[in-house]
Structure formats: C-alpha cells, structure tokens
Amino acid sequence: MAKRGGFPGGMPGNMNNLMKQAQRMQRQMEEGQKELETKEFTAKAGGGAVEACVNGKKELLRVTISEEAVDPEDVEMLQDMIVAAVNEAMGQADAASQELMGKMTGGLGGGFPF
C-alpha cells in the first residue's frame, strides 16, 4: 500500500536545506540592504557646476552649486543641471541595488516566480 502524505524519497531533508538556504539568503539580503542604505552616491552635471548626493534609500542628501552656475539670466540651465545631477546619482543607487540583487539571487533571472 502506498504511503499517503509526506515526501517520498527523502524530500523532507531537501526541504529543510532549501528553507535554511532561503533564510540565509534573506539574512544576507537584509545585511546588504542595510549596507546599501548607508552608502552615498554623488554625481556632477554642468562640468561640475552642480553636484547631487543621494543615499541608497534614494533620499537626496545634498545639492552643491558652484557660484559660476548661478546666473539670474539663465535659471532654467541651473534647474536642468540639478535635475541631471540628481538623476545620475539616483541611477548610481539603482545600479548598486541591482548589483546587490544579482549577487544575492545568483543570477536566478529576475527573482522568484511567486
């Protein structure tokens, strides 16, 4: 008579190993995320006239504007440089986050299907 329930062929051990691996991966992911959140990403625009710094949580920490960039006759250019610097810094933070995810998932191809 066939057994009902359970996992034939030693599956419980494999499930335990999978659970341990998943828990280890989750701890590593949390540690990596905490580390990423403390990193700062800085980008410049307008030949260095504007500098923006964001953290791994994608929070704008500071914007530095050189005196040469402040032209009351051309405020739009200054605004464009600020946007460009902030977007570049955010892109750096995104790239670092994607790199962390890639390391954690080992190239599983976009994460888990659930």
C-alpha atoms as a PDB file:
ATOM      1  CA  MET A   1       0.000   0.000   0.000  1.00  0.00           C
ATOM      2  CA  ALA A   2       1.333   3.429  -0.943  1.00  0.00           C
ATOM      3  CA  LYS A   3       2.165   5.915   1.763  1.00  0.00           C
ATOM      4  CA  ARG A   4      -0.009   8.964   1.987  1.00  0.00           C
ATOM      5  CA  GLY A   5       1.328  12.384   2.860  1.00  0.00           C
ATOM      6  CA  GLY A   6       4.920  13.289   3.431  1.00  0.00           C
ATOM      7  CA  PHE A   7       7.553  13.447   0.762  1.00  0.00           C
ATOM      8  CA  PRO A   8       8.780  10.212  -0.819  1.00  0.00           C
ATOM      9  CA  GLY A   9      12.476   9.702  -1.395  1.00  0.00           C
ATOM     10  CA  GLY A  10      13.870  11.885   1.389  1.00  0.00           C
ATOM     11  CA  MET A  11      12.305  15.190   0.409  1.00  0.00           C
ATOM     12  CA  PRO A  12      11.963  16.485   3.978  1.00  0.00           C
ATOM     13  CA  GLY A  13      15.746  16.807   4.252  1.00  0.00           C
ATOM     14  CA  ASN A  14      15.873  18.642   0.950  1.00  0.00           C
ATOM     15  CA  MET A  15      13.050  20.947   2.048  1.00  0.00           C
ATOM     16  CA  ASN A  16      14.912  21.687   5.283  1.00  0.00           C
ATOM     17  CA  ASN A  17      18.035  22.519   3.307  1.00  0.00           C
ATOM     18  CA  LEU A  18      16.042  24.759   0.976  1.00  0.00           C
ATOM     19  CA  MET A  19      14.476  26.555   3.937  1.00  0.00           C
ATOM     20  CA  LYS A  20      17.878  27.073   5.552  1.00  0.00           C
ATOM     21  CA  GLN A  21      19.274  28.420   2.278  1.00  0.00           C
ATOM     22  CA  ALA A  22      16.299  30.755   1.890  1.00  0.00           C
ATOM     23  CA  GLN A  23      16.714  32.022   5.455  1.00  0.00           C
ATOM     24  CA  ARG A  24      20.448  32.544   4.908  1.00  0.00           C
ATOM     25  CA  MET A  25      19.750  34.385   1.656  1.00  0.00           C
ATOM     26  CA  GLN A  26      17.176  36.558   3.426  1.00  0.00           C
ATOM     27  CA  ARG A  27      19.687  37.475   6.177  1.00  0.00           C
ATOM     28  CA  GLN A  28      22.341  38.281   3.575  1.00  0.00           C
ATOM     29  CA  MET A  29      19.842  40.375   1.633  1.00  0.00           C
ATOM     30  CA  GLU A  30      18.858  42.321   4.754  1.00  0.00           C
ATOM     31  CA  GLU A  31      22.514  42.933   5.630  1.00  0.00           C
ATOM     32  CA  GLY A  32      23.290  44.003   2.073  1.00  0.00           C
ATOM     33  CA  GLN A  33      20.273  46.314   2.005  1.00  0.00           C
ATOM     34  CA  LYS A  34      21.310  47.957   5.285  1.00  0.00           C
ATOM     35  CA  GLU A  35      24.817  48.451   3.919  1.00  0.00           C
ATOM     36  CA  LEU A  36      23.450  49.878   0.675  1.00  0.00           C
ATOM     37  CA  GLU A  37      21.235  52.334   2.569  1.00  0.00           C
ATOM     38  CA  THR A  38      24.283  53.857   4.269  1.00  0.00           C
ATOM     39  CA  LYS A  39      26.215  54.363   1.021  1.00  0.00           C
ATOM     40  CA  GLU A  40      26.255  57.722  -0.710  1.00  0.00           C
ATOM     41  CA  PHE A  41      26.153  58.232  -4.466  1.00  0.00           C
ATOM     42  CA  THR A  42      27.373  61.520  -5.882  1.00  0.00           C
ATOM     43  CA  ALA A  43      27.063  62.805  -9.419  1.00  0.00           C
ATOM     44  CA  LYS A  44      28.001  66.065 -11.111  1.00  0.00           C
ATOM     45  CA  ALA A  45      26.466  67.962 -14.007  1.00  0.00           C
ATOM     46  CA  GLY A  46      27.405  71.046 -15.979  1.00  0.00           C
ATOM     47  CA  GLY A  47      31.100  70.250 -15.830  1.00  0.00           C
ATOM     48  CA  GLY A  48      30.968  70.007 -12.050  1.00  0.00           C
ATOM     49  CA  ALA A  49      28.909  73.167 -11.530  1.00  0.00           C
ATOM     50  CA  VAL A  50      26.182  71.152  -9.798  1.00  0.00           C
ATOM     51  CA  GLU A  51      26.721  68.152  -7.562  1.00  0.00           C
ATOM     52  CA  ALA A  52      23.981  65.970  -6.074  1.00  0.00           C
ATOM     53  CA  CYS A  53      24.363  63.307  -3.416  1.00  0.00           C
ATOM     54  CA  VAL A  54      21.780  60.624  -2.611  1.00  0.00           C
ATOM     55  CA  ASN A  55      21.850  57.619  -0.319  1.00  0.00           C
ATOM     56  CA  GLY A  56      20.907  54.016  -1.028  1.00  0.00           C
ATOM     57  CA  LYS A  57      17.361  54.742   0.130  1.00  0.00           C
ATOM     58  CA  LYS A  58      17.170  57.216  -2.769  1.00  0.00           C
ATOM     59  CA  GLU A  59      16.919  60.205  -0.480  1.00  0.00           C
ATOM     60  CA  LEU A  60      18.504  63.420  -1.690  1.00  0.00           C
ATOM     61  CA  LEU A  61      21.126  64.322   0.917  1.00  0.00           C
ATOM     62  CA  ARG A  62      22.600  67.496  -0.522  1.00  0.00           C
ATOM     63  CA  VAL A  63      22.973  69.619  -3.609  1.00  0.00           C
ATOM     64  CA  THR A  64      26.079  71.739  -4.109  1.00  0.00           C
ATOM     65  CA  ILE A  65      26.014  74.572  -6.635  1.00  0.00           C
ATOM     66  CA  SER A  66      29.129  76.467  -7.639  1.00  0.00           C
ATOM     67  CA  GLU A  67      28.898  80.250  -7.843  1.00  0.00           C
ATOM     68  CA  GLU A  68      29.583  80.153 -11.592  1.00  0.00           C
ATOM     69  CA  ALA A  69      26.384  78.168 -12.117  1.00  0.00           C
ATOM     70  CA  VAL A  70      24.215  80.891 -10.608  1.00  0.00           C
ATOM     71  CA  ASP A  71      23.183  83.145 -13.454  1.00  0.00           C
ATOM     72  CA  PRO A  72      19.997  85.081 -12.768  1.00  0.00           C
ATOM     73  CA  GLU A  73      19.514  85.376 -16.534  1.00  0.00           C
ATOM     74  CA  ASP A  74      19.557  81.585 -17.040  1.00  0.00           C
ATOM     75  CA  VAL A  75      17.793  79.894 -14.136  1.00  0.00           C
ATOM     76  CA  GLU A  76      16.495  77.159 -16.453  1.00  0.00           C
ATOM     77  CA  MET A  77      20.002  75.877 -17.154  1.00  0.00           C
ATOM     78  CA  LEU A  78      20.718  75.649 -13.431  1.00  0.00           C
ATOM     79  CA  GLN A  79      17.483  73.748 -12.919  1.00  0.00           C
ATOM     80  CA  ASP A  80      18.389  71.356 -15.733  1.00  0.00           C
ATOM     81  CA  MET A  81      21.831  70.740 -14.233  1.00  0.00           C
ATOM     82  CA  ILE A  82      20.292  69.982 -10.838  1.00  0.00           C
ATOM     83  CA  VAL A  83      17.855  67.509 -12.366  1.00  0.00           C
ATOM     84  CA  ALA A  84      20.653  65.864 -14.363  1.00  0.00           C
ATOM     85  CA  ALA A  85      22.914  65.508 -11.312  1.00  0.00           C
ATOM     86  CA  VAL A  86      20.126  64.111  -9.118  1.00  0.00           C
ATOM     87  CA  ASN A  87      19.036  61.646 -11.813  1.00  0.00           C
ATOM     88  CA  GLU A  88      22.609  60.441 -12.313  1.00  0.00           C
ATOM     89  CA  ALA A  89      23.099  59.927  -8.569  1.00  0.00           C
ATOM     90  CA  MET A  90      19.784  58.054  -8.365  1.00  0.00           C
ATOM     91  CA  GLY A  91      20.910  55.910 -11.293  1.00  0.00           C
ATOM     92  CA  GLN A  92      24.077  55.017  -9.397  1.00  0.00           C
ATOM     93  CA  ALA A  93      21.996  53.999  -6.371  1.00  0.00           C
ATOM     94  CA  ASP A  94      19.745  51.885  -8.629  1.00  0.00           C
ATOM     95  CA  ALA A  95      22.750  50.196 -10.225  1.00  0.00           C
ATOM     96  CA  ALA A  96      24.194  49.342  -6.800  1.00  0.00           C
ATOM     97  CA  SER A  97      20.829  47.931  -5.714  1.00  0.00           C
ATOM     98  CA  GLN A  98      20.575  45.816  -8.877  1.00  0.00           C
ATOM     99  CA  GLU A  99      24.121  44.578  -8.360  1.00  0.00           C
ATOM    100  CA  LEU A 100      23.256  43.560  -4.805  1.00  0.00           C
ATOM    101  CA  MET A 101      20.147  41.724  -6.001  1.00  0.00           C
ATOM    102  CA  GLY A 102      22.156  39.945  -8.683  1.00  0.00           C
ATOM    103  CA  LYS A 103      24.714  38.761  -6.153  1.00  0.00           C
ATOM    104  CA  MET A 104      22.045  37.585  -3.741  1.00  0.00           C
ATOM    105  CA  THR A 105      19.955  35.698  -6.277  1.00  0.00           C
ATOM    106  CA  GLY A 106      22.951  34.261  -8.090  1.00  0.00           C
ATOM    107  CA  GLY A 107      21.518  35.141 -11.470  1.00  0.00           C
ATOM    108  CA  LEU A 108      18.176  33.432 -10.978  1.00  0.00           C
ATOM    109  CA  GLY A 109      16.793  35.548 -13.768  1.00  0.00           C
ATOM    110  CA  GLY A 110      14.583  38.186 -12.215  1.00  0.00           C
ATOM    111  CA  GLY A 111      13.779  36.727  -8.846  1.00  0.00           C
ATOM    112  CA  PHE A 112      11.246  34.239  -7.710  1.00  0.00           C
ATOM    113  CA  PRO A 113       8.131  33.271  -9.673  1.00  0.00           C
ATOM    114  CA  PHE A 114       5.758  33.809  -6.733  1.00  0.00           C
END
